[in-house]
PDB file of N, CA and C in Angstrom:
ATOM      1  N   MET A   1     -68.536 -35.460 -75.052  1.00  0.00           N
ATOM      2  CA  MET A   1     -67.206 -35.344 -74.532  1.00  0.00           C
ATOM      3  C   MET A   1     -67.228 -34.398 -73.339  1.00  0.00           C
ATOM      4  N   LYS A   2     -66.486 -34.763 -72.333  1.00  0.00           N
ATOM      5  CA  LYS A   2     -66.421 -33.994 -71.100  1.00  0.00           C
ATOM      6  C   LYS A   2     -65.318 -32.947 -71.201  1.00  0.00           C
ATOM      7  N   GLU A   3     -65.605 -31.732 -70.775  1.00  0.00           N
ATOM      8  CA  GLU A   3     -64.624 -30.647 -70.833  1.00  0.00           C
ATOM      9  C   GLU A   3     -63.808 -30.630 -69.542  1.00  0.00           C
ATOM     10  N   ILE A   4     -62.499 -30.576 -69.670  1.00  0.00           N
ATOM     11  CA  ILE A   4     -61.618 -30.549 -68.512  1.00  0.00           C
ATOM     12  C   ILE A   4     -61.158 -29.098 -68.297  1.00  0.00           C
ATOM     13  N   ILE A   5     -61.370 -28.623 -67.101  1.00  0.00           N
ATOM     14  CA  ILE A   5     -60.961 -27.258 -66.752  1.00  0.00           C
ATOM     15  C   ILE A   5     -59.691 -27.350 -65.921  1.00  0.00           C
ATOM     16  N   VAL A   6     -58.673 -26.688 -66.400  1.00  0.00           N
ATOM     17  CA  VAL A   6     -57.392 -26.676 -65.699  1.00  0.00           C
ATOM     18  C   VAL A   6     -57.214 -25.293 -65.084  1.00  0.00           C
ATOM     19  N   THR A   7     -57.001 -25.256 -63.797  1.00  0.00           N
ATOM     20  CA  THR A   7     -56.754 -23.973 -63.119  1.00  0.00           C
ATOM     21  C   THR A   7     -55.275 -23.883 -62.801  1.00  0.00           C
ATOM     22  N   PRO A   8     -54.699 -22.739 -63.059  1.00  0.00           N
ATOM     23  CA  PRO A   8     -53.267 -22.592 -62.783  1.00  0.00           C
ATOM     24  C   PRO A   8     -53.011 -22.602 -61.276  1.00  0.00           C
ATOM     25  N   GLU A   9     -51.831 -23.039 -60.926  1.00  0.00           N
ATOM     26  CA  GLU A   9     -51.450 -23.061 -59.515  1.00  0.00           C
ATOM     27  C   GLU A   9     -51.225 -21.624 -59.041  1.00  0.00           C
ATOM     28  N   VAL A  10     -51.765 -21.312 -57.923  1.00  0.00           N
ATOM     29  CA  VAL A  10     -51.646 -19.960 -57.376  1.00  0.00           C
ATOM     30  C   VAL A  10     -50.453 -19.925 -56.432  1.00  0.00           C
ATOM     31  N   VAL A  11     -49.563 -19.006 -56.712  1.00  0.00           N
ATOM     32  CA  VAL A  11     -48.391 -18.836 -55.864  1.00  0.00           C
ATOM     33  C   VAL A  11     -48.602 -17.577 -55.052  1.00  0.00           C
ATOM     34  N   SER A  12     -48.512 -17.707 -53.765  1.00  0.00           N
ATOM     35  CA  SER A  12     -48.704 -16.526 -52.925  1.00  0.00           C
ATOM     36  C   SER A  12     -47.346 -15.976 -52.516  1.00  0.00           C
ATOM     37  N   THR A  13     -47.254 -14.701 -52.597  1.00  0.00           N
ATOM     38  CA  THR A  13     -46.036 -14.002 -52.202  1.00  0.00           C
ATOM     39  C   THR A  13     -46.350 -13.193 -50.956  1.00  0.00           C
ATOM     40  N   PRO A  14     -45.592 -13.420 -49.891  1.00  0.00           N
ATOM     41  CA  PRO A  14     -45.874 -12.650 -48.674  1.00  0.00           C
ATOM     42  C   PRO A  14     -45.571 -11.163 -48.898  1.00  0.00           C
ATOM     43  N   VAL A  15     -46.480 -10.347 -48.483  1.00  0.00           N
ATOM     44  CA  VAL A  15     -46.323  -8.899 -48.611  1.00  0.00           C
ATOM     45  C   VAL A  15     -46.336  -8.312 -47.209  1.00  0.00           C
ATOM     46  N   ARG A  16     -45.308  -7.558 -46.937  1.00  0.00           N
ATOM     47  CA  ARG A  16     -45.222  -6.934 -45.628  1.00  0.00           C
ATOM     48  C   ARG A  16     -46.016  -5.632 -45.634  1.00  0.00           C
ATOM     49  N   VAL A  17     -46.864  -5.481 -44.670  1.00  0.00           N
ATOM     50  CA  VAL A  17     -47.648  -4.259 -44.550  1.00  0.00           C
ATOM     51  C   VAL A  17     -47.183  -3.534 -43.300  1.00  0.00           C
ATOM     52  N   GLY A  18     -46.778  -2.281 -43.468  1.00  0.00           N
ATOM     53  CA  GLY A  18     -46.343  -1.490 -42.325  1.00  0.00           C
ATOM     54  C   GLY A  18     -44.847  -1.598 -42.099  1.00  0.00           C
ATOM     55  N   ALA A  19     -44.359  -0.761 -41.230  1.00  0.00           N
ATOM     56  CA  ALA A  19     -42.934  -0.696 -40.933  1.00  0.00           C
ATOM     57  C   ALA A  19     -42.646  -1.459 -39.645  1.00  0.00           C
ATOM     58  N   THR A  20     -41.424  -1.951 -39.549  1.00  0.00           N
ATOM     59  CA  THR A  20     -41.002  -2.597 -38.308  1.00  0.00           C
ATOM     60  C   THR A  20     -40.762  -1.508 -37.254  1.00  0.00           C
ATOM     61  N   ASN A  21     -40.591  -1.951 -36.024  1.00  0.00           N
ATOM     62  CA  ASN A  21     -40.339  -0.986 -34.941  1.00  0.00           C
ATOM     63  C   ASN A  21     -39.050  -0.210 -35.191  1.00  0.00           C
ATOM     64  N   LYS A  22     -38.022  -0.899 -35.700  1.00  0.00           N
ATOM     65  CA  LYS A  22     -36.749  -0.241 -35.981  1.00  0.00           C
ATOM     66  C   LYS A  22     -36.919   0.809 -37.076  1.00  0.00           C
ATOM     67  N   GLU A  23     -37.659   0.451 -38.116  1.00  0.00           N
ATOM     68  CA  GLU A  23     -37.893   1.406 -39.204  1.00  0.00           C
ATOM     69  C   GLU A  23     -38.706   2.599 -38.722  1.00  0.00           C
ATOM     70  N   THR A  24     -39.690   2.334 -37.880  1.00  0.00           N
ATOM     71  CA  THR A  24     -40.495   3.429 -37.329  1.00  0.00           C
ATOM     72  C   THR A  24     -39.628   4.381 -36.514  1.00  0.00           C
ATOM     73  N   THR A  25     -38.715   3.818 -35.732  1.00  0.00           N
ATOM     74  CA  THR A  25     -37.801   4.650 -34.945  1.00  0.00           C
ATOM     75  C   THR A  25     -36.921   5.501 -35.859  1.00  0.00           C
ATOM     76  N   GLU A  26     -36.397   4.883 -36.924  1.00  0.00           N
ATOM     77  CA  GLU A  26     -35.576   5.630 -37.881  1.00  0.00           C
ATOM     78  C   GLU A  26     -36.380   6.749 -38.530  1.00  0.00           C
ATOM     79  N   TYR A  27     -37.615   6.458 -38.915  1.00  0.00           N
ATOM     80  CA  TYR A  27     -38.471   7.482 -39.541  1.00  0.00           C
ATOM     81  C   TYR A  27     -38.722   8.635 -38.583  1.00  0.00           C
ATOM     82  N   LEU A  28     -38.947   8.321 -37.311  1.00  0.00           N
ATOM     83  CA  LEU A  28     -39.199   9.377 -36.320  1.00  0.00           C
ATOM     84  C   LEU A  28     -37.953  10.241 -36.110  1.00  0.00           C
ATOM     85  N   ILE A  29     -36.785   9.597 -36.086  1.00  0.00           N
ATOM     86  CA  ILE A  29     -35.535  10.357 -35.940  1.00  0.00           C
ATOM     87  C   ILE A  29     -35.360  11.291 -37.127  1.00  0.00           C
ATOM     88  N   TYR A  30     -35.530  10.760 -38.337  1.00  0.00           N
ATOM     89  CA  TYR A  30     -35.391  11.599 -39.531  1.00  0.00           C
ATOM     90  C   TYR A  30     -36.471  12.682 -39.585  1.00  0.00           C
ATOM     91  N   PHE A  31     -37.680  12.377 -39.129  1.00  0.00           N
ATOM     92  CA  PHE A  31     -38.747  13.386 -39.127  1.00  0.00           C
ATOM     93  C   PHE A  31     -38.396  14.524 -38.175  1.00  0.00           C
ATOM     94  N   PHE A  32     -37.978  14.179 -36.946  1.00  0.00           N
ATOM     95  CA  PHE A  32     -37.649  15.210 -35.961  1.00  0.00           C
ATOM     96  C   PHE A  32     -36.526  16.109 -36.461  1.00  0.00           C
ATOM     97  N   PHE A  33     -35.428  15.485 -36.908  1.00  0.00           N
ATOM     98  CA  PHE A  33     -34.299  16.285 -37.378  1.00  0.00           C
ATOM     99  C   PHE A  33     -34.645  17.030 -38.666  1.00  0.00           C
ATOM    100  N   GLY A  34     -35.483  16.450 -39.504  1.00  0.00           N
ATOM    101  CA  GLY A  34     -35.933  17.137 -40.714  1.00  0.00           C
ATOM    102  C   GLY A  34     -36.725  18.381 -40.375  1.00  0.00           C
ATOM    103  N   LEU A  35     -37.580  18.279 -39.362  1.00  0.00           N
ATOM    104  CA  LEU A  35     -38.355  19.431 -38.907  1.00  0.00           C
ATOM    105  C   LEU A  35     -37.432  20.530 -38.383  1.00  0.00           C
ATOM    106  N   VAL A  36     -36.433  20.134 -37.607  1.00  0.00           N
ATOM    107  CA  VAL A  36     -35.455  21.106 -37.090  1.00  0.00           C
ATOM    108  C   VAL A  36     -34.711  21.768 -38.254  1.00  0.00           C
ATOM    109  N   GLU A  37     -34.325  20.970 -39.250  1.00  0.00           N
ATOM    110  CA  GLU A  37     -33.619  21.504 -40.415  1.00  0.00           C
ATOM    111  C   GLU A  37     -34.461  22.535 -41.164  1.00  0.00           C
ATOM    112  N   VAL A  38     -35.733  22.226 -41.352  1.00  0.00           N
ATOM    113  CA  VAL A  38     -36.631  23.154 -42.061  1.00  0.00           C
ATOM    114  C   VAL A  38     -36.763  24.452 -41.276  1.00  0.00           C
ATOM    115  N   LEU A  39     -36.941  24.354 -39.975  1.00  0.00           N
ATOM    116  CA  LEU A  39     -37.064  25.560 -39.152  1.00  0.00           C
ATOM    117  C   LEU A  39     -35.768  26.379 -39.186  1.00  0.00           C
ATOM    118  N   LEU A  40     -34.628  25.700 -39.147  1.00  0.00           N
ATOM    119  CA  LEU A  40     -33.353  26.422 -39.227  1.00  0.00           C
ATOM    120  C   LEU A  40     -33.174  27.084 -40.593  1.00  0.00           C
ATOM    121  N   ALA A  41     -33.618  26.425 -41.647  1.00  0.00           N
ATOM    122  CA  ALA A  41     -33.540  27.026 -42.988  1.00  0.00           C
ATOM    123  C   ALA A  41     -34.437  28.259 -43.069  1.00  0.00           C
ATOM    124  N   ILE A  42     -35.628  28.179 -42.475  1.00  0.00           N
ATOM    125  CA  ILE A  42     -36.527  29.346 -42.443  1.00  0.00           C
ATOM    126  C   ILE A  42     -35.870  30.479 -41.667  1.00  0.00           C
ATOM    127  N   ARG A  43     -35.240  30.145 -40.536  1.00  0.00           N
ATOM    128  CA  ARG A  43     -34.538  31.164 -39.742  1.00  0.00           C
ATOM    129  C   ARG A  43     -33.455  31.834 -40.583  1.00  0.00           C
ATOM    130  N   LEU A  44     -32.684  31.029 -41.321  1.00  0.00           N
ATOM    131  CA  LEU A  44     -31.611  31.558 -42.149  1.00  0.00           C
ATOM    132  C   LEU A  44     -32.157  32.528 -43.197  1.00  0.00           C
ATOM    133  N   VAL A  45     -33.245  32.145 -43.847  1.00  0.00           N
ATOM    134  CA  VAL A  45     -33.853  33.007 -44.869  1.00  0.00           C
ATOM    135  C   VAL A  45     -34.393  34.285 -44.238  1.00  0.00           C
ATOM    136  N   LEU A  46     -35.041  34.163 -43.088  1.00  0.00           N
ATOM    137  CA  LEU A  46     -35.574  35.356 -42.412  1.00  0.00           C
ATOM    138  C   LEU A  46     -34.446  36.302 -42.027  1.00  0.00           C
ATOM    139  N   GLN A  47     -33.338  35.755 -41.539  1.00  0.00           N
ATOM    140  CA  GLN A  47     -32.195  36.591 -41.169  1.00  0.00           C
ATOM    141  C   GLN A  47     -31.592  37.271 -42.404  1.00  0.00           C
ATOM    142  N   LEU A  48     -31.446  36.495 -43.475  1.00  0.00           N
ATOM    143  CA  LEU A  48     -30.838  37.046 -44.693  1.00  0.00           C
ATOM    144  C   LEU A  48     -31.702  38.123 -45.341  1.00  0.00           C
ATOM    145  N   THR A  49     -33.013  38.002 -45.200  1.00  0.00           N
ATOM    146  CA  THR A  49     -33.907  38.982 -45.815  1.00  0.00           C
ATOM    147  C   THR A  49     -34.235  40.141 -44.887  1.00  0.00           C
ATOM    148  N   GLY A  50     -33.688  40.101 -43.681  1.00  0.00           N
ATOM    149  CA  GLY A  50     -33.911  41.193 -42.745  1.00  0.00           C
ATOM    150  C   GLY A  50     -35.333  41.282 -42.247  1.00  0.00           C
ATOM    151  N   ALA A  51     -35.961  40.144 -41.991  1.00  0.00           N
ATOM    152  CA  ALA A  51     -37.352  40.115 -41.531  1.00  0.00           C
ATOM    153  C   ALA A  51     -37.488  40.829 -40.185  1.00  0.00           C
ATOM    154  N   SER A  52     -38.591  41.520 -40.028  1.00  0.00           N
ATOM    155  CA  SER A  52     -38.843  42.290 -38.820  1.00  0.00           C
ATOM    156  C   SER A  52     -39.235  41.389 -37.658  1.00  0.00           C
ATOM    157  N   THR A  53     -38.623  41.637 -36.514  1.00  0.00           N
ATOM    158  CA  THR A  53     -38.958  40.869 -35.317  1.00  0.00           C
ATOM    159  C   THR A  53     -40.272  41.331 -34.692  1.00  0.00           C
ATOM    160  N   LEU A  54     -40.915  42.307 -35.300  1.00  0.00           N
ATOM    161  CA  LEU A  54     -42.242  42.716 -34.841  1.00  0.00           C
ATOM    162  C   LEU A  54     -43.297  41.695 -35.272  1.00  0.00           C
ATOM    163  N   SER A  55     -42.975  40.886 -36.254  1.00  0.00           N
ATOM    164  CA  SER A  55     -43.886  39.854 -36.739  1.00  0.00           C
ATOM    165  C   SER A  55     -43.915  38.682 -35.762  1.00  0.00           C
ATOM    166  N   GLY A  56     -45.109  38.217 -35.452  1.00  0.00           N
ATOM    167  CA  GLY A  56     -45.264  37.075 -34.555  1.00  0.00           C
ATOM    168  C   GLY A  56     -44.627  35.810 -35.107  1.00  0.00           C
ATOM    169  N   PHE A  57     -44.746  35.606 -36.420  1.00  0.00           N
ATOM    170  CA  PHE A  57     -44.167  34.420 -37.047  1.00  0.00           C
ATOM    171  C   PHE A  57     -42.648  34.422 -36.913  1.00  0.00           C
ATOM    172  N   VAL A  58     -42.043  35.573 -37.157  1.00  0.00           N
ATOM    173  CA  VAL A  58     -40.588  35.685 -37.069  1.00  0.00           C
ATOM    174  C   VAL A  58     -40.139  35.423 -35.641  1.00  0.00           C
ATOM    175  N   ARG A  59     -40.826  35.996 -34.664  1.00  0.00           N
ATOM    176  CA  ARG A  59     -40.485  35.765 -33.256  1.00  0.00           C
ATOM    177  C   ARG A  59     -40.648  34.292 -32.893  1.00  0.00           C
ATOM    178  N   LEU A  60     -41.700  33.655 -33.416  1.00  0.00           N
ATOM    179  CA  LEU A  60     -41.935  32.234 -33.140  1.00  0.00           C
ATOM    180  C   LEU A  60     -40.785  31.385 -33.689  1.00  0.00           C
ATOM    181  N   VAL A  61     -40.409  31.636 -34.928  1.00  0.00           N
ATOM    182  CA  VAL A  61     -39.318  30.866 -35.542  1.00  0.00           C
ATOM    183  C   VAL A  61     -38.013  31.099 -34.785  1.00  0.00           C
ATOM    184  N   TYR A  62     -37.703  32.345 -34.457  1.00  0.00           N
ATOM    185  CA  TYR A  62     -36.474  32.635 -33.717  1.00  0.00           C
ATOM    186  C   TYR A  62     -36.512  32.001 -32.328  1.00  0.00           C
ATOM    187  N   GLY A  63     -37.681  32.009 -31.707  1.00  0.00           N
ATOM    188  CA  GLY A  63     -37.813  31.424 -30.370  1.00  0.00           C
ATOM    189  C   GLY A  63     -37.603  29.920 -30.376  1.00  0.00           C
ATOM    190  N   ILE A  64     -38.192  29.242 -31.349  1.00  0.00           N
ATOM    191  CA  ILE A  64     -38.062  27.782 -31.434  1.00  0.00           C
ATOM    192  C   ILE A  64     -36.640  27.380 -31.818  1.00  0.00           C
ATOM    193  N   THR A  65     -36.066  28.067 -32.788  1.00  0.00           N
ATOM    194  CA  THR A  65     -34.752  27.667 -33.299  1.00  0.00           C
ATOM    195  C   THR A  65     -33.591  28.179 -32.452  1.00  0.00           C
ATOM    196  N   GLY A  66     -33.856  29.135 -31.577  1.00  0.00           N
ATOM    197  CA  GLY A  66     -32.784  29.702 -30.749  1.00  0.00           C
ATOM    198  C   GLY A  66     -32.050  28.643 -29.944  1.00  0.00           C
ATOM    199  N   ILE A  67     -32.774  27.678 -29.405  1.00  0.00           N
ATOM    200  CA  ILE A  67     -32.165  26.623 -28.584  1.00  0.00           C
ATOM    201  C   ILE A  67     -31.260  25.725 -29.430  1.00  0.00           C
ATOM    202  N   PHE A  68     -31.600  25.552 -30.707  1.00  0.00           N
ATOM    203  CA  PHE A  68     -30.805  24.680 -31.577  1.00  0.00           C
ATOM    204  C   PHE A  68     -29.558  25.382 -32.118  1.00  0.00           C
ATOM    205  N   VAL A  69     -29.604  26.707 -32.180  1.00  0.00           N
ATOM    206  CA  VAL A  69     -28.471  27.482 -32.691  1.00  0.00           C
ATOM    207  C   VAL A  69     -27.514  27.860 -31.557  1.00  0.00           C
ATOM    208  N   LEU A  70     -28.005  27.919 -30.345  1.00  0.00           N
ATOM    209  CA  LEU A  70     -27.235  28.387 -29.190  1.00  0.00           C
ATOM    210  C   LEU A  70     -25.865  27.715 -29.039  1.00  0.00           C
ATOM    211  N   PRO A  71     -25.742  26.386 -29.181  1.00  0.00           N
ATOM    212  CA  PRO A  71     -24.413  25.779 -29.000  1.00  0.00           C
ATOM    213  C   PRO A  71     -23.377  26.231 -30.028  1.00  0.00           C
ATOM    214  N   PHE A  72     -23.815  26.807 -31.122  1.00  0.00           N
ATOM    215  CA  PHE A  72     -22.903  27.169 -32.203  1.00  0.00           C
ATOM    216  C   PHE A  72     -22.670  28.679 -32.304  1.00  0.00           C
ATOM    217  N   GLN A  73     -23.281  29.434 -31.401  1.00  0.00           N
ATOM    218  CA  GLN A  73     -23.101  30.889 -31.387  1.00  0.00           C
ATOM    219  C   GLN A  73     -21.661  31.225 -31.053  1.00  0.00           C
ATOM    220  N   GLY A  74     -21.101  32.176 -31.761  1.00  0.00           N
ATOM    221  CA  GLY A  74     -19.764  32.657 -31.460  1.00  0.00           C
ATOM    222  C   GLY A  74     -18.645  31.918 -32.180  1.00  0.00           C
ATOM    223  N   ILE A  75     -18.960  30.864 -32.927  1.00  0.00           N
ATOM    224  CA  ILE A  75     -17.906  30.171 -33.674  1.00  0.00           C
ATOM    225  C   ILE A  75     -17.354  31.096 -34.756  1.00  0.00           C
ATOM    226  N   PHE A  76     -18.269  31.739 -35.483  1.00  0.00           N
ATOM    227  CA  PHE A  76     -17.888  32.705 -36.522  1.00  0.00           C
ATOM    228  C   PHE A  76     -18.615  34.015 -36.246  1.00  0.00           C
ATOM    229  N   ARG A  77     -18.065  35.098 -36.757  1.00  0.00           N
ATOM    230  CA  ARG A  77     -18.714  36.401 -36.613  1.00  0.00           C
ATOM    231  C   ARG A  77     -19.891  36.535 -37.567  1.00  0.00           C
ATOM    232  N   GLN A  78     -20.907  37.254 -37.107  1.00  0.00           N
ATOM    233  CA  GLN A  78     -22.050  37.542 -37.973  1.00  0.00           C
ATOM    234  C   GLN A  78     -21.708  38.691 -38.895  1.00  0.00           C
ATOM    235  N   ALA A  79     -22.213  38.631 -40.098  1.00  0.00           N
ATOM    236  CA  ALA A  79     -22.039  39.732 -41.045  1.00  0.00           C
ATOM    237  C   ALA A  79     -23.404  40.347 -41.292  1.00  0.00           C
ATOM    238  N   SER A  80     -23.458  41.667 -41.284  1.00  0.00           N
ATOM    239  CA  SER A  80     -24.746  42.313 -41.541  1.00  0.00           C
ATOM    240  C   SER A  80     -24.548  43.485 -42.491  1.00  0.00           C
ATOM    241  N   ALA A  81     -25.584  43.693 -43.301  1.00  0.00           N
ATOM    242  CA  ALA A  81     -25.577  44.807 -44.243  1.00  0.00           C
ATOM    243  C   ALA A  81     -27.015  45.208 -44.515  1.00  0.00           C
ATOM    244  N   SER A  82     -27.325  46.457 -44.254  1.00  0.00           N
ATOM    245  CA  SER A  82     -28.649  47.048 -44.489  1.00  0.00           C
ATOM    246  C   SER A  82     -29.802  46.158 -44.012  1.00  0.00           C
ATOM    247  N   GLY A  83     -29.725  45.729 -42.766  1.00  0.00           N
ATOM    248  CA  GLY A  83     -30.818  44.960 -42.164  1.00  0.00           C
ATOM    249  C   GLY A  83     -30.716  43.463 -42.361  1.00  0.00           C
ATOM    250  N   SER A  84     -29.944  43.036 -43.319  1.00  0.00           N
ATOM    251  CA  SER A  84     -29.767  41.612 -43.594  1.00  0.00           C
ATOM    252  C   SER A  84     -28.616  41.073 -42.753  1.00  0.00           C
ATOM    253  N   VAL A  85     -28.816  39.885 -42.175  1.00  0.00           N
ATOM    254  CA  VAL A  85     -27.795  39.301 -41.303  1.00  0.00           C
ATOM    255  C   VAL A  85     -27.453  37.905 -41.800  1.00  0.00           C
ATOM    256  N   LEU A  86     -26.155  37.645 -41.951  1.00  0.00           N
ATOM    257  CA  LEU A  86     -25.698  36.293 -42.242  1.00  0.00           C
ATOM    258  C   LEU A  86     -25.239  35.696 -40.922  1.00  0.00           C
ATOM    259  N   GLU A  87     -25.950  34.697 -40.468  1.00  0.00           N
ATOM    260  CA  GLU A  87     -25.668  34.071 -39.182  1.00  0.00           C
ATOM    261  C   GLU A  87     -25.014  32.705 -39.428  1.00  0.00           C
ATOM    262  N   PRO A  88     -23.685  32.637 -39.408  1.00  0.00           N
ATOM    263  CA  PRO A  88     -22.996  31.378 -39.678  1.00  0.00           C
ATOM    264  C   PRO A  88     -23.347  30.272 -38.692  1.00  0.00           C
ATOM    265  N   SER A  89     -23.727  30.636 -37.477  1.00  0.00           N
ATOM    266  CA  SER A  89     -24.080  29.616 -36.494  1.00  0.00           C
ATOM    267  C   SER A  89     -25.287  28.792 -36.950  1.00  0.00           C
ATOM    268  N   THR A  90     -26.187  29.401 -37.697  1.00  0.00           N
ATOM    269  CA  THR A  90     -27.330  28.664 -38.226  1.00  0.00           C
ATOM    270  C   THR A  90     -26.887  27.674 -39.293  1.00  0.00           C
ATOM    271  N   ILE A  91     -25.964  28.077 -40.130  1.00  0.00           N
ATOM    272  CA  ILE A  91     -25.449  27.181 -41.171  1.00  0.00           C
ATOM    273  C   ILE A  91     -24.711  26.004 -40.528  1.00  0.00           C
ATOM    274  N   VAL A  92     -23.894  26.293 -39.521  1.00  0.00           N
ATOM    275  CA  VAL A  92     -23.182  25.231 -38.814  1.00  0.00           C
ATOM    276  C   VAL A  92     -24.179  24.295 -38.143  1.00  0.00           C
ATOM    277  N   ALA A  93     -25.218  24.847 -37.526  1.00  0.00           N
ATOM    278  CA  ALA A  93     -26.235  24.020 -36.858  1.00  0.00           C
ATOM    279  C   ALA A  93     -26.918  23.091 -37.864  1.00  0.00           C
ATOM    280  N   ILE A  94     -27.258  23.604 -39.027  1.00  0.00           N
ATOM    281  CA  ILE A  94     -27.895  22.772 -40.057  1.00  0.00           C
ATOM    282  C   ILE A  94     -26.994  21.596 -40.412  1.00  0.00           C
ATOM    283  N   LEU A  95     -25.725  21.861 -40.653  1.00  0.00           N
ATOM    284  CA  LEU A  95     -24.781  20.799 -41.021  1.00  0.00           C
ATOM    285  C   LEU A  95     -24.595  19.784 -39.886  1.00  0.00           C
ATOM    286  N   VAL A  96     -24.457  20.273 -38.667  1.00  0.00           N
ATOM    287  CA  VAL A  96     -24.256  19.374 -37.522  1.00  0.00           C
ATOM    288  C   VAL A  96     -25.479  18.492 -37.298  1.00  0.00           C
ATOM    289  N   TYR A  97     -26.677  19.045 -37.397  1.00  0.00           N
ATOM    290  CA  TYR A  97     -27.879  18.244 -37.153  1.00  0.00           C
ATOM    291  C   TYR A  97     -28.131  17.235 -38.271  1.00  0.00           C
ATOM    292  N   ILE A  98     -27.712  17.541 -39.490  1.00  0.00           N
ATOM    293  CA  ILE A  98     -27.789  16.547 -40.569  1.00  0.00           C
ATOM    294  C   ILE A  98     -26.891  15.360 -40.224  1.00  0.00           C
ATOM    295  N   LEU A  99     -25.654  15.654 -39.836  1.00  0.00           N
ATOM    296  CA  LEU A  99     -24.712  14.594 -39.476  1.00  0.00           C
ATOM    297  C   LEU A  99     -25.164  13.830 -38.234  1.00  0.00           C
ATOM    298  N   LEU A 100     -25.742  14.530 -37.284  1.00  0.00           N
ATOM    299  CA  LEU A 100     -26.213  13.897 -36.052  1.00  0.00           C
ATOM    300  C   LEU A 100     -27.348  12.911 -36.337  1.00  0.00           C
ATOM    301  N   ALA A 101     -28.296  13.306 -37.172  1.00  0.00           N
ATOM    302  CA  ALA A 101     -29.408  12.406 -37.524  1.00  0.00           C
ATOM    303  C   ALA A 101     -28.876  11.169 -38.236  1.00  0.00           C
ATOM    304  N   TRP A 102     -27.987  11.367 -39.199  1.00  0.00           N
ATOM    305  CA  TRP A 102     -27.406  10.251 -39.938  1.00  0.00           C
ATOM    306  C   TRP A 102     -26.646   9.324 -38.981  1.00  0.00           C
ATOM    307  N   GLY A 103     -25.867   9.903 -38.075  1.00  0.00           N
ATOM    308  CA  GLY A 103     -25.082   9.116 -37.124  1.00  0.00           C
ATOM    309  C   GLY A 103     -25.945   8.318 -36.164  1.00  0.00           C
ATOM    310  N   ILE A 104     -27.026   8.915 -35.684  1.00  0.00           N
ATOM    311  CA  ILE A 104     -27.921   8.208 -34.763  1.00  0.00           C
ATOM    312  C   ILE A 104     -28.568   7.016 -35.459  1.00  0.00           C
ATOM    313  N   VAL A 105     -29.029   7.215 -36.692  1.00  0.00           N
ATOM    314  CA  VAL A 105     -29.657   6.118 -37.439  1.00  0.00           C
ATOM    315  C   VAL A 105     -28.634   5.030 -37.736  1.00  0.00           C
ATOM    316  N   LYS A 106     -27.408   5.395 -38.126  1.00  0.00           N
ATOM    317  CA  LYS A 106     -26.367   4.397 -38.374  1.00  0.00           C
ATOM    318  C   LYS A 106     -26.052   3.613 -37.103  1.00  0.00           C
ATOM    319  N   LEU A 107     -25.960   4.295 -35.972  1.00  0.00           N
ATOM    320  CA  LEU A 107     -25.697   3.635 -34.694  1.00  0.00           C
ATOM    321  C   LEU A 107     -26.832   2.681 -34.331  1.00  0.00           C
ATOM    322  N   LEU A 108     -28.050   3.089 -34.597  1.00  0.00           N
ATOM    323  CA  LEU A 108     -29.214   2.239 -34.350  1.00  0.00           C
ATOM    324  C   LEU A 108     -29.143   0.977 -35.208  1.00  0.00           C
ATOM    325  N   ARG A 109     -28.762   1.122 -36.468  1.00  0.00           N
ATOM    326  CA  ARG A 109     -28.645  -0.035 -37.370  1.00  0.00           C
ATOM    327  C   ARG A 109     -27.510  -0.959 -36.923  1.00  0.00           C
ATOM    328  N   ILE A 110     -26.391  -0.385 -36.503  1.00  0.00           N
ATOM    329  CA  ILE A 110     -25.268  -1.207 -36.051  1.00  0.00           C
ATOM    330  C   ILE A 110     -25.649  -1.965 -34.793  1.00  0.00           C
ATOM    331  N   SER A 111     -26.288  -1.287 -33.844  1.00  0.00           N
ATOM    332  CA  SER A 111     -26.658  -1.944 -32.581  1.00  0.00           C
ATOM    333  C   SER A 111     -27.723  -3.003 -32.765  1.00  0.00           C
ATOM    334  N   SER A 112     -28.503  -2.928 -33.845  1.00  0.00           N
ATOM    335  CA  SER A 112     -29.532  -3.940 -34.098  1.00  0.00           C
ATOM    336  C   SER A 112     -28.949  -5.164 -34.800  1.00  0.00           C
ATOM    337  N   GLY A 113     -27.673  -5.096 -35.204  1.00  0.00           N
ATOM    338  CA  GLY A 113     -27.034  -6.214 -35.871  1.00  0.00           C
ATOM    339  C   GLY A 113     -27.350  -6.303 -37.346  1.00  0.00           C
ATOM    340  N   GLU A 114     -27.920  -5.252 -37.914  1.00  0.00           N
ATOM    341  CA  GLU A 114     -28.258  -5.247 -39.328  1.00  0.00           C
ATOM    342  C   GLU A 114     -26.995  -5.272 -40.179  1.00  0.00           C
ATOM    343  N   GLN A 115     -27.031  -6.044 -41.242  1.00  0.00           N
ATOM    344  CA  GLN A 115     -25.908  -6.127 -42.182  1.00  0.00           C
ATOM    345  C   GLN A 115     -25.709  -4.764 -42.825  1.00  0.00           C
ATOM    346  N   GLN A 116     -24.506  -4.219 -42.740  1.00  0.00           N
ATOM    347  CA  GLN A 116     -24.219  -2.901 -43.292  1.00  0.00           C
ATOM    348  C   GLN A 116     -23.751  -3.012 -44.738  1.00  0.00           C
ATOM    349  N   GLU A 117     -24.160  -2.054 -45.551  1.00  0.00           N
ATOM    350  CA  GLU A 117     -23.731  -1.999 -46.944  1.00  0.00           C
ATOM    351  C   GLU A 117     -22.310  -1.473 -47.012  1.00  0.00           C
ATOM    352  N   SER A 118     -21.522  -1.992 -47.907  1.00  0.00           N
ATOM    353  CA  SER A 118     -20.131  -1.530 -48.057  1.00  0.00           C
ATOM    354  C   SER A 118     -20.060  -0.337 -48.949  1.00  0.00           C
TER     355      SER A 118
END
């Protein structure tokens, strides 16, 4: 008797490898603003803990983040106590840049004609 071998039908499912150009752009926007957010959070902690500006790291962080905080300087008064400084402009900058990143990505999705979730 002859043996019959039956092989199951193979169904291939297309798998996407890598991100589209639009997704890559969104990732870069979120990465850039995420980096700014982290640096601003470090600045906030350094200010609150009264870190010495004699430290090179502290000067570097203040130097990099100064440009991002500058538009929000003077909105609220700074509070200081025993070397510690609460800088509200940094908190406002963090919130504004979060909203700005989200808004840019949403605008990019709208302009690409992508179906928006309700």
